[in-house]
């Protein structure tokens, strides 16, 4: 049996970021990931970062390429009822957001951990966490057919919604809240120039659309679609035609179609598990909460969890104080629930839920209110750029 200070389950951005931050303070960790590095780095995920996440990546020493290649945005545009309205984030809040793909963050973190000699076990199968309600938790796993066991002081569950860590918590110790939405997002990635310099969120009678990007030459577009739709029913030509129908005329005219690099349909849900701490086991990111992508909060919430847990672990090893460890769940959840509320509200505002005219009239009235009220615009902007701690 080997011993380590912190065992991290999951080598996605949250797991690698936590490991990287701990390494800057001389705290040992091991990261266990059931997939290959190539598989994890190929996953297409989020691309919009709150500046607090940008600062945390820089603090971890992995922000050089992000600061060079990322796209800083001062605003965002809402399109509805044949109109557009720009929310000036910088003017309203003094803060910006950054477009930089999660796939690139994943590569930067994996490269940094490899360069530092960090312990990452790719293809760690059948992970089991035990004794986390005591002082010496244990983690076991199978690697290349051989069973291994780790004796550690803390376990960070960064293994996502379907991971082993939350599933290991007794059901009577955890409460789970969920809202499943009756539609999905059809996303497409293509090497074509974006239609706008900033993100465009569109409320349309045919359904929601989002124009985003990964760079000045690579675009990421989304359409609301039925949950039971199949990718085979969405050839590229159909996607581009439908996107044009949902966009304001000025953006539809600029739209450049191209061959898709990646195409997928993602279901939408709001999910929160509480508490997020169980003895020496701490749930982080998607292991504890899921938000619809409408507000771009998923990766940013995971980074916020990492920030809180990192400071708690550092305090413990620096002064033997468990105060911040004890406060981890309440501090993380305070931010999680606010972000969950914003993502839920923004999803309800921008998507087509039925053919009922009342609901659509309420959406348009709300959008008009945001466009015409500095107070409403400020509330939107504060939530979009990320609330403080």
Protein backbone atom coordinates (compact mmCIF):
# COMPACT_ATOMS: atom_id res chain seq x y z
CA UNK A 1 0.00 0.00 0.00
CA UNK A 2 1.36 3.43 -0.98
CA UNK A 3 0.65 6.61 1.01
CA UNK A 4 -0.20 10.06 -0.32
CA UNK A 5 -1.60 13.25 1.13
CA UNK A 6 -4.45 13.84 -1.35
CA UNK A 7 -6.00 11.31 -3.71
CA UNK A 8 -7.87 12.98 -6.57
CA UNK A 9 -10.39 10.93 -8.53
CA UNK A 10 -10.80 12.27 -12.06
CA UNK A 11 -8.28 13.94 -14.38
CA UNK A 12 -10.59 16.45 -15.97
CA UNK A 13 -9.88 20.17 -15.52
CA UNK A 14 -10.96 20.28 -11.87
CA UNK A 15 -8.87 17.27 -10.83
CA UNK A 16 -5.73 18.40 -12.66
CA UNK A 17 -6.16 22.01 -11.52
CA UNK A 18 -6.42 20.95 -7.89
CA UNK A 19 -3.33 18.74 -8.26
CA UNK A 20 -1.40 21.56 -9.93
CA UNK A 21 -2.34 24.10 -7.25
CA UNK A 22 -1.45 21.71 -4.43
CA UNK A 23 1.92 21.09 -6.06
CA UNK A 24 2.70 24.82 -5.89
CA UNK A 25 2.46 24.50 -2.10
CA UNK A 26 4.44 21.28 -1.83
CA UNK A 27 1.40 19.08 -1.11
CA UNK A 28 1.54 15.63 -2.68
CA UNK A 29 -1.33 14.26 -4.72
CA UNK A 30 -2.13 11.42 -7.05
CA UNK A 31 -4.77 11.65 -9.78
CA UNK A 32 -6.72 8.58 -10.93
CA UNK A 33 -8.54 8.69 -14.26
CA UNK A 34 -10.47 5.81 -15.80
CA UNK A 35 -10.04 7.04 -19.38
CA UNK A 36 -6.92 7.56 -21.48
CA UNK A 37 -5.31 10.99 -21.68
CA UNK A 38 -6.17 11.14 -25.39
CA UNK A 39 -9.84 10.45 -24.70
CA UNK A 40 -10.11 13.12 -22.03
CA UNK A 41 -8.35 15.73 -24.14
CA UNK A 42 -10.64 15.04 -27.10
CA UNK A 43 -13.85 15.81 -25.20
CA UNK A 44 -15.54 18.98 -26.49
CA UNK A 45 -16.80 21.00 -23.55
CA UNK A 46 -17.17 24.57 -22.35
CA UNK A 47 -15.32 27.55 -23.69
CA UNK A 48 -16.28 30.62 -21.64
CA UNK A 49 -14.30 31.48 -18.50
CA UNK A 50 -15.15 33.88 -15.72
CA UNK A 51 -12.17 36.07 -14.89
CA UNK A 52 -11.93 34.43 -11.47
CA UNK A 53 -11.24 31.16 -13.30
CA UNK A 54 -8.66 32.93 -15.48
CA UNK A 55 -6.93 34.23 -12.33
CA UNK A 56 -6.93 30.77 -10.76
CA UNK A 57 -5.37 29.18 -13.85
CA UNK A 58 -2.70 31.87 -13.83
CA UNK A 59 -2.07 31.26 -10.12
CA UNK A 60 -1.56 27.58 -10.96
CA UNK A 61 1.05 28.55 -13.55
CA UNK A 62 -0.86 27.24 -16.56
CA UNK A 63 -2.18 30.46 -18.05
CA UNK A 64 0.54 31.52 -20.47
CA UNK A 65 -1.05 30.07 -23.62
CA UNK A 66 -4.52 31.07 -22.45
CA UNK A 67 -3.49 34.71 -22.05
CA UNK A 68 -1.83 34.65 -25.46
CA UNK A 69 -4.53 32.85 -27.46
CA UNK A 70 -7.72 33.40 -25.47
CA UNK A 71 -10.30 35.99 -26.53
CA UNK A 72 -11.24 38.52 -23.85
CA UNK A 73 -14.84 39.73 -24.21
CA UNK A 74 -16.25 42.91 -22.71
CA UNK A 75 -19.89 42.16 -23.52
CA UNK A 76 -22.52 39.72 -24.72
CA UNK A 77 -25.50 40.15 -27.01
CA UNK A 78 -29.13 39.14 -26.50
CA UNK A 79 -31.25 38.72 -29.64
CA UNK A 80 -35.04 38.50 -29.54
CA UNK A 81 -38.15 39.59 -31.44
CA UNK A 82 -36.07 40.83 -34.42
CA UNK A 83 -33.96 43.00 -32.10
CA UNK A 84 -30.55 42.81 -30.47
CA UNK A 85 -29.28 44.30 -27.24
CA UNK A 86 -25.68 44.27 -26.05
CA UNK A 87 -24.92 43.87 -22.35
CA UNK A 88 -21.71 45.80 -21.63
CA UNK A 89 -20.16 43.59 -18.97
CA UNK A 90 -17.03 45.69 -18.55
CA UNK A 91 -18.94 48.94 -18.12
CA UNK A 92 -21.50 47.47 -15.74
CA UNK A 93 -19.23 45.33 -13.54
CA UNK A 94 -15.64 46.26 -14.34
CA UNK A 95 -15.02 42.64 -15.32
CA UNK A 96 -14.68 40.66 -18.52
CA UNK A 97 -14.95 37.02 -19.61
CA UNK A 98 -12.49 34.91 -21.60
CA UNK A 99 -13.17 32.53 -24.49
CA UNK A 100 -10.71 29.64 -24.25
CA UNK A 101 -11.81 26.07 -24.87
CA UNK A 102 -11.89 23.47 -22.11
CA UNK A 103 -9.97 21.12 -24.41
CA UNK A 104 -7.10 23.62 -24.41
CA UNK A 105 -7.24 24.01 -20.61
CA UNK A 106 -7.12 20.22 -20.33
CA UNK A 107 -4.00 20.05 -22.49
CA UNK A 108 -2.30 22.89 -20.61
CA UNK A 109 -2.96 21.25 -17.25
CA UNK A 110 -1.90 17.78 -18.36
CA UNK A 111 1.31 19.17 -19.86
CA UNK A 112 2.06 21.08 -16.65
CA UNK A 113 1.50 18.06 -14.43
CA UNK A 114 3.64 15.90 -16.70
CA UNK A 115 6.45 18.48 -16.73
CA UNK A 116 6.35 18.65 -12.92
CA UNK A 117 6.45 14.88 -12.57
CA UNK A 118 2.92 14.77 -11.20
CA UNK A 119 1.45 11.36 -10.47
CA UNK A 120 -1.44 10.70 -12.86
CA UNK A 121 -2.70 7.18 -13.44
CA UNK A 122 -4.59 7.03 -16.72
CA UNK A 123 -6.91 4.06 -17.27
CA UNK A 124 -7.38 3.47 -13.55
CA UNK A 125 -10.37 1.12 -13.54
CA UNK A 126 -12.86 0.07 -10.85
CA UNK A 127 -11.97 2.84 -8.40
CA UNK A 128 -13.27 2.24 -4.88
CA UNK A 129 -13.12 4.82 -2.07
CA UNK A 130 -13.29 3.56 1.51
CA UNK A 131 -13.04 4.70 5.12
CA UNK A 132 -13.49 8.37 4.23
CA UNK A 133 -15.50 8.83 7.41
CA UNK A 134 -12.32 8.19 9.41
CA UNK A 135 -8.86 9.75 9.60
CA UNK A 136 -7.17 7.52 6.98
CA UNK A 137 -9.22 7.04 3.83
CA UNK A 138 -8.23 4.44 1.26
CA UNK A 139 -8.60 4.30 -2.50
CA UNK A 140 -8.16 1.15 -4.56
CA UNK A 141 -8.11 0.71 -8.32
CA UNK A 142 -7.06 -1.64 -11.11
CA UNK A 143 -4.38 -0.62 -13.58
CA UNK A 144 -3.30 -2.89 -16.43
CA UNK A 145 -4.88 -5.86 -14.67
CA UNK A 146 -3.17 -5.28 -11.31
CA UNK A 147 -4.99 -4.08 -8.17
CA UNK A 148 -3.49 -1.16 -6.22
CA UNK A 149 -4.39 0.54 -2.95
CA UNK A 150 -3.57 4.04 -1.71
CA UNK A 151 -3.58 5.23 1.89
CA UNK A 152 -4.31 8.96 1.93
CA UNK A 153 -5.47 11.81 4.14
CA UNK A 154 -8.06 13.37 1.83
CA UNK A 155 -10.04 12.31 -1.22
CA UNK A 156 -11.23 14.83 -3.82
CA UNK A 157 -14.07 13.52 -5.96
CA UNK A 158 -13.54 15.25 -9.30
CA UNK A 159 -14.95 12.34 -11.31
CA UNK A 160 -18.13 13.86 -12.71
CA UNK A 161 -21.82 13.11 -12.53
CA UNK A 162 -21.41 9.36 -13.20
CA UNK A 163 -18.29 8.91 -11.08
CA UNK A 164 -17.56 6.59 -8.18
CA UNK A 165 -17.18 9.14 -5.38
CA UNK A 166 -20.72 10.47 -5.01
CA UNK A 167 -22.06 6.95 -5.59
CA UNK A 168 -20.00 5.81 -2.58
CA UNK A 169 -21.86 8.09 -0.16
CA UNK A 170 -24.66 6.33 1.77
CA UNK A 171 -28.02 7.46 0.35
CA UNK A 172 -29.30 8.60 3.72
CA UNK A 173 -26.35 11.00 4.03
CA UNK A 174 -26.91 12.97 0.83
CA UNK A 175 -29.78 14.97 -0.66
CA UNK A 176 -30.05 15.37 -4.43
CA UNK A 177 -32.09 18.04 -6.22
CA UNK A 178 -32.77 17.84 -9.94
CA UNK A 179 -34.63 19.56 -12.76
CA UNK A 180 -34.55 17.93 -16.21
CA UNK A 181 -35.39 20.15 -19.18
CA UNK A 182 -37.55 18.89 -22.07
CA UNK A 183 -35.03 19.64 -24.83
CA UNK A 184 -31.37 19.35 -25.72
CA UNK A 185 -28.62 21.39 -27.34
CA UNK A 186 -27.38 20.36 -30.76
CA UNK A 187 -23.82 21.65 -30.95
CA UNK A 188 -21.53 21.92 -33.93
CA UNK A 189 -17.86 22.86 -34.16
CA UNK A 190 -16.53 24.13 -37.49
CA UNK A 191 -13.50 25.97 -38.83
CA UNK A 192 -15.42 29.02 -39.99
CA UNK A 193 -15.20 32.62 -38.73
CA UNK A 194 -17.70 33.55 -35.99
CA UNK A 195 -20.68 35.71 -36.99
CA UNK A 196 -19.86 38.22 -34.24
CA UNK A 197 -16.94 39.22 -32.03
CA UNK A 198 -18.92 38.36 -28.88
CA UNK A 199 -21.42 35.64 -27.98
CA UNK A 200 -24.97 36.02 -29.30
CA UNK A 201 -27.81 34.38 -27.36
CA UNK A 202 -31.02 34.18 -29.40
CA UNK A 203 -34.61 33.72 -28.23
CA UNK A 204 -36.61 32.74 -31.33
CA UNK A 205 -40.09 31.35 -31.91
CA UNK A 206 -38.47 28.26 -33.50
CA UNK A 207 -36.22 27.73 -30.47
CA UNK A 208 -33.02 28.92 -28.83
CA UNK A 209 -29.74 29.46 -30.70
CA UNK A 210 -26.27 30.43 -29.53
CA UNK A 211 -23.38 31.76 -31.61
CA UNK A 212 -20.09 31.17 -29.82
CA UNK A 213 -16.50 30.55 -30.84
CA UNK A 214 -13.23 28.93 -29.86
CA UNK A 215 -10.99 31.30 -31.83
CA UNK A 216 -11.22 33.90 -34.57
CA UNK A 217 -11.35 31.10 -37.13
CA UNK A 218 -13.25 28.35 -35.27
CA UNK A 219 -16.93 28.66 -34.34
CA UNK A 220 -19.12 26.79 -31.89
CA UNK A 221 -22.85 27.01 -32.62
CA UNK A 222 -25.85 25.55 -30.81
CA UNK A 223 -29.52 24.95 -31.58
CA UNK A 224 -32.28 23.90 -29.20
CA UNK A 225 -33.66 20.57 -30.39
CA UNK A 226 -35.98 17.80 -29.13
CA UNK A 227 -34.35 15.35 -26.74
CA UNK A 228 -35.18 12.40 -28.98
CA UNK A 229 -33.51 13.89 -32.07
CA UNK A 230 -30.71 11.88 -33.63
CA UNK A 231 -27.47 13.30 -35.01
CA UNK A 232 -28.09 11.38 -38.22
CA UNK A 233 -31.14 13.55 -38.79
CA UNK A 234 -29.02 16.72 -38.67
CA UNK A 235 -26.68 16.79 -41.66
CA UNK A 236 -24.57 19.94 -41.80
CA UNK A 237 -26.74 21.60 -44.44
CA UNK A 238 -29.85 21.27 -42.30
CA UNK A 239 -28.05 22.71 -39.28
CA UNK A 240 -26.82 25.79 -41.14
CA UNK A 241 -30.25 26.39 -42.70
CA UNK A 242 -31.98 26.20 -39.32
CA UNK A 243 -29.40 28.43 -37.66
CA UNK A 244 -29.94 31.11 -40.31
CA UNK A 245 -33.67 31.03 -39.64
CA UNK A 246 -33.16 31.68 -35.93
CA UNK A 247 -30.55 34.42 -36.14
CA UNK A 248 -31.18 38.16 -36.51
CA UNK A 249 -30.89 39.20 -40.15
CA UNK A 250 -27.55 40.98 -39.72
CA UNK A 251 -25.95 37.83 -38.32
CA UNK A 252 -27.68 35.43 -40.69
CA UNK A 253 -26.15 37.39 -43.56
CA UNK A 254 -22.65 36.96 -42.09
CA UNK A 255 -22.97 33.25 -41.35
CA UNK A 256 -20.35 31.14 -43.10
CA UNK A 257 -21.21 27.46 -43.40
CA UNK A 258 -18.60 24.74 -43.30
CA UNK A 259 -17.97 21.08 -42.64
CA UNK A 260 -18.50 20.13 -39.01
CA UNK A 261 -15.52 18.91 -36.99
CA UNK A 262 -17.72 17.68 -34.15
CA UNK A 263 -21.47 17.42 -33.70
CA UNK A 264 -23.40 16.24 -30.66
CA UNK A 265 -26.68 16.54 -28.79
CA UNK A 266 -26.48 17.24 -25.04
CA UNK A 267 -29.42 16.97 -22.63
CA UNK A 268 -29.95 19.83 -20.17
CA UNK A 269 -30.42 19.43 -16.42
CA UNK A 270 -29.98 21.31 -13.17
CA UNK A 271 -28.61 19.09 -10.39
CA UNK A 272 -27.22 19.78 -6.93
CA UNK A 273 -26.13 17.25 -4.30
CA UNK A 274 -25.65 18.40 -0.75
CA UNK A 275 -23.63 18.43 1.38
CA UNK A 276 -20.40 18.33 -0.63
CA UNK A 277 -18.24 16.97 2.19
CA UNK A 278 -18.42 13.54 3.83
CA UNK A 279 -15.67 13.16 6.38
CA UNK A 280 -12.44 13.19 4.38
CA UNK A 281 -14.23 12.97 1.00
CA UNK A 282 -14.94 16.22 -0.84
CA UNK A 283 -17.10 16.38 -3.96
CA UNK A 284 -15.92 18.83 -6.61
CA UNK A 285 -17.51 20.09 -9.82
CA UNK A 286 -19.86 17.83 -11.77
CA UNK A 287 -19.65 15.17 -9.05
CA UNK A 288 -21.76 17.54 -6.93
CA UNK A 289 -23.62 19.77 -9.38
CA UNK A 290 -24.68 20.13 -13.01
CA UNK A 291 -26.05 23.27 -14.64
CA UNK A 292 -27.50 23.85 -18.11
CA UNK A 293 -24.84 25.32 -20.41
CA UNK A 294 -26.96 28.44 -21.00
CA UNK A 295 -25.06 30.52 -18.45
CA UNK A 296 -21.63 28.92 -19.05
CA UNK A 297 -21.27 28.08 -15.36
CA UNK A 298 -20.26 24.41 -15.32
CA UNK A 299 -16.49 24.66 -15.64
CA UNK A 300 -16.42 27.92 -13.69
CA UNK A 301 -18.29 26.36 -10.76
CA UNK A 302 -15.86 23.45 -10.76
CA UNK A 303 -12.94 25.88 -10.65
CA UNK A 304 -14.62 27.75 -7.79
CA UNK A 305 -14.95 24.48 -5.84
CA UNK A 306 -11.26 23.79 -6.48
CA UNK A 307 -10.37 27.24 -5.19
CA UNK A 308 -12.26 26.71 -1.93
CA UNK A 309 -10.91 23.19 -1.37
CA UNK A 310 -7.35 24.19 -2.25
CA UNK A 311 -7.29 26.93 0.38
CA UNK A 312 -8.82 24.58 2.95
CA UNK A 313 -6.19 21.87 2.38
CA UNK A 314 -3.37 24.40 2.42
CA UNK A 315 -4.60 25.81 5.73
CA UNK A 316 -4.74 22.30 7.20
CA UNK A 317 -1.14 21.46 6.29
CA UNK A 318 0.12 24.92 7.24
CA UNK A 319 -1.51 25.26 10.65
CA UNK A 320 -3.34 21.97 11.38
CA UNK A 321 -6.59 23.96 11.36
CA UNK A 322 -9.68 22.23 9.99
CA UNK A 323 -11.82 25.38 9.98
CA UNK A 324 -11.84 25.83 6.20
CA UNK A 325 -12.29 22.10 5.66
CA UNK A 326 -15.37 22.24 7.88
CA UNK A 327 -16.66 25.22 5.90
CA UNK A 328 -15.99 23.75 2.45
CA UNK A 329 -19.49 22.49 1.76
CA UNK A 330 -21.37 25.57 2.96
CA UNK A 331 -19.02 27.98 1.17
CA UNK A 332 -19.08 26.05 -2.09
CA UNK A 333 -22.84 25.50 -2.03
CA UNK A 334 -23.56 29.18 -1.43
CA UNK A 335 -22.02 29.92 -4.81
CA UNK A 336 -23.38 26.77 -6.47
CA UNK A 337 -26.99 27.60 -5.68
CA UNK A 338 -26.67 31.17 -6.94
CA UNK A 339 -25.11 29.97 -10.20
CA UNK A 340 -27.74 27.24 -10.48
CA UNK A 341 -30.44 29.87 -10.08
CA UNK A 342 -28.93 32.05 -12.83
CA UNK A 343 -28.50 29.12 -15.22
CA UNK A 344 -32.08 27.97 -14.57
CA UNK A 345 -33.46 31.50 -15.02
CA UNK A 346 -31.49 32.15 -18.20
CA UNK A 347 -32.55 28.78 -19.62
CA UNK A 348 -36.21 29.53 -18.87
CA UNK A 349 -35.84 32.97 -20.47
CA UNK A 350 -34.24 31.95 -23.76
CA UNK A 351 -35.75 28.58 -24.75
CA UNK A 352 -39.02 27.53 -26.33
CA UNK A 353 -40.97 25.40 -23.86
CA UNK A 354 -44.28 25.08 -25.70
CA UNK A 355 -46.50 26.81 -28.22
CA UNK A 356 -48.23 28.68 -25.39
CA UNK A 357 -48.29 32.38 -26.26
CA UNK A 358 -48.36 33.54 -22.63
CA UNK A 359 -44.94 32.05 -21.86
CA UNK A 360 -43.36 33.61 -24.92
CA UNK A 361 -44.91 37.01 -24.14
CA UNK A 362 -43.44 36.81 -20.64
CA UNK A 363 -40.00 36.01 -22.07
CA UNK A 364 -40.13 38.97 -24.44
CA UNK A 365 -41.30 41.28 -21.65
CA UNK A 366 -38.40 40.14 -19.46
CA UNK A 367 -35.90 40.67 -22.26
CA UNK A 368 -37.33 44.13 -22.91
CA UNK A 369 -36.96 44.88 -19.20
CA UNK A 370 -33.29 43.85 -19.24
CA UNK A 371 -32.68 45.96 -22.34
CA UNK A 372 -34.39 49.02 -20.87
CA UNK A 373 -33.42 48.88 -17.20
CA UNK A 374 -29.84 49.58 -16.04
CA UNK A 375 -30.63 47.75 -12.79
CA UNK A 376 -31.84 44.63 -14.63
CA UNK A 377 -28.85 44.74 -16.98
CA UNK A 378 -26.50 45.04 -14.01
CA UNK A 379 -28.08 42.03 -12.29
CA UNK A 380 -27.64 40.00 -15.47
CA UNK A 381 -24.05 41.16 -15.93
CA UNK A 382 -23.05 40.45 -12.31
CA UNK A 383 -24.26 36.86 -12.60
CA UNK A 384 -22.81 36.32 -16.06
CA UNK A 385 -19.27 37.42 -15.18
CA UNK A 386 -19.44 35.43 -11.92
CA UNK A 387 -20.39 36.31 -8.40
CA UNK A 388 -17.71 36.81 -5.77
CA UNK A 389 -16.99 34.63 -2.77
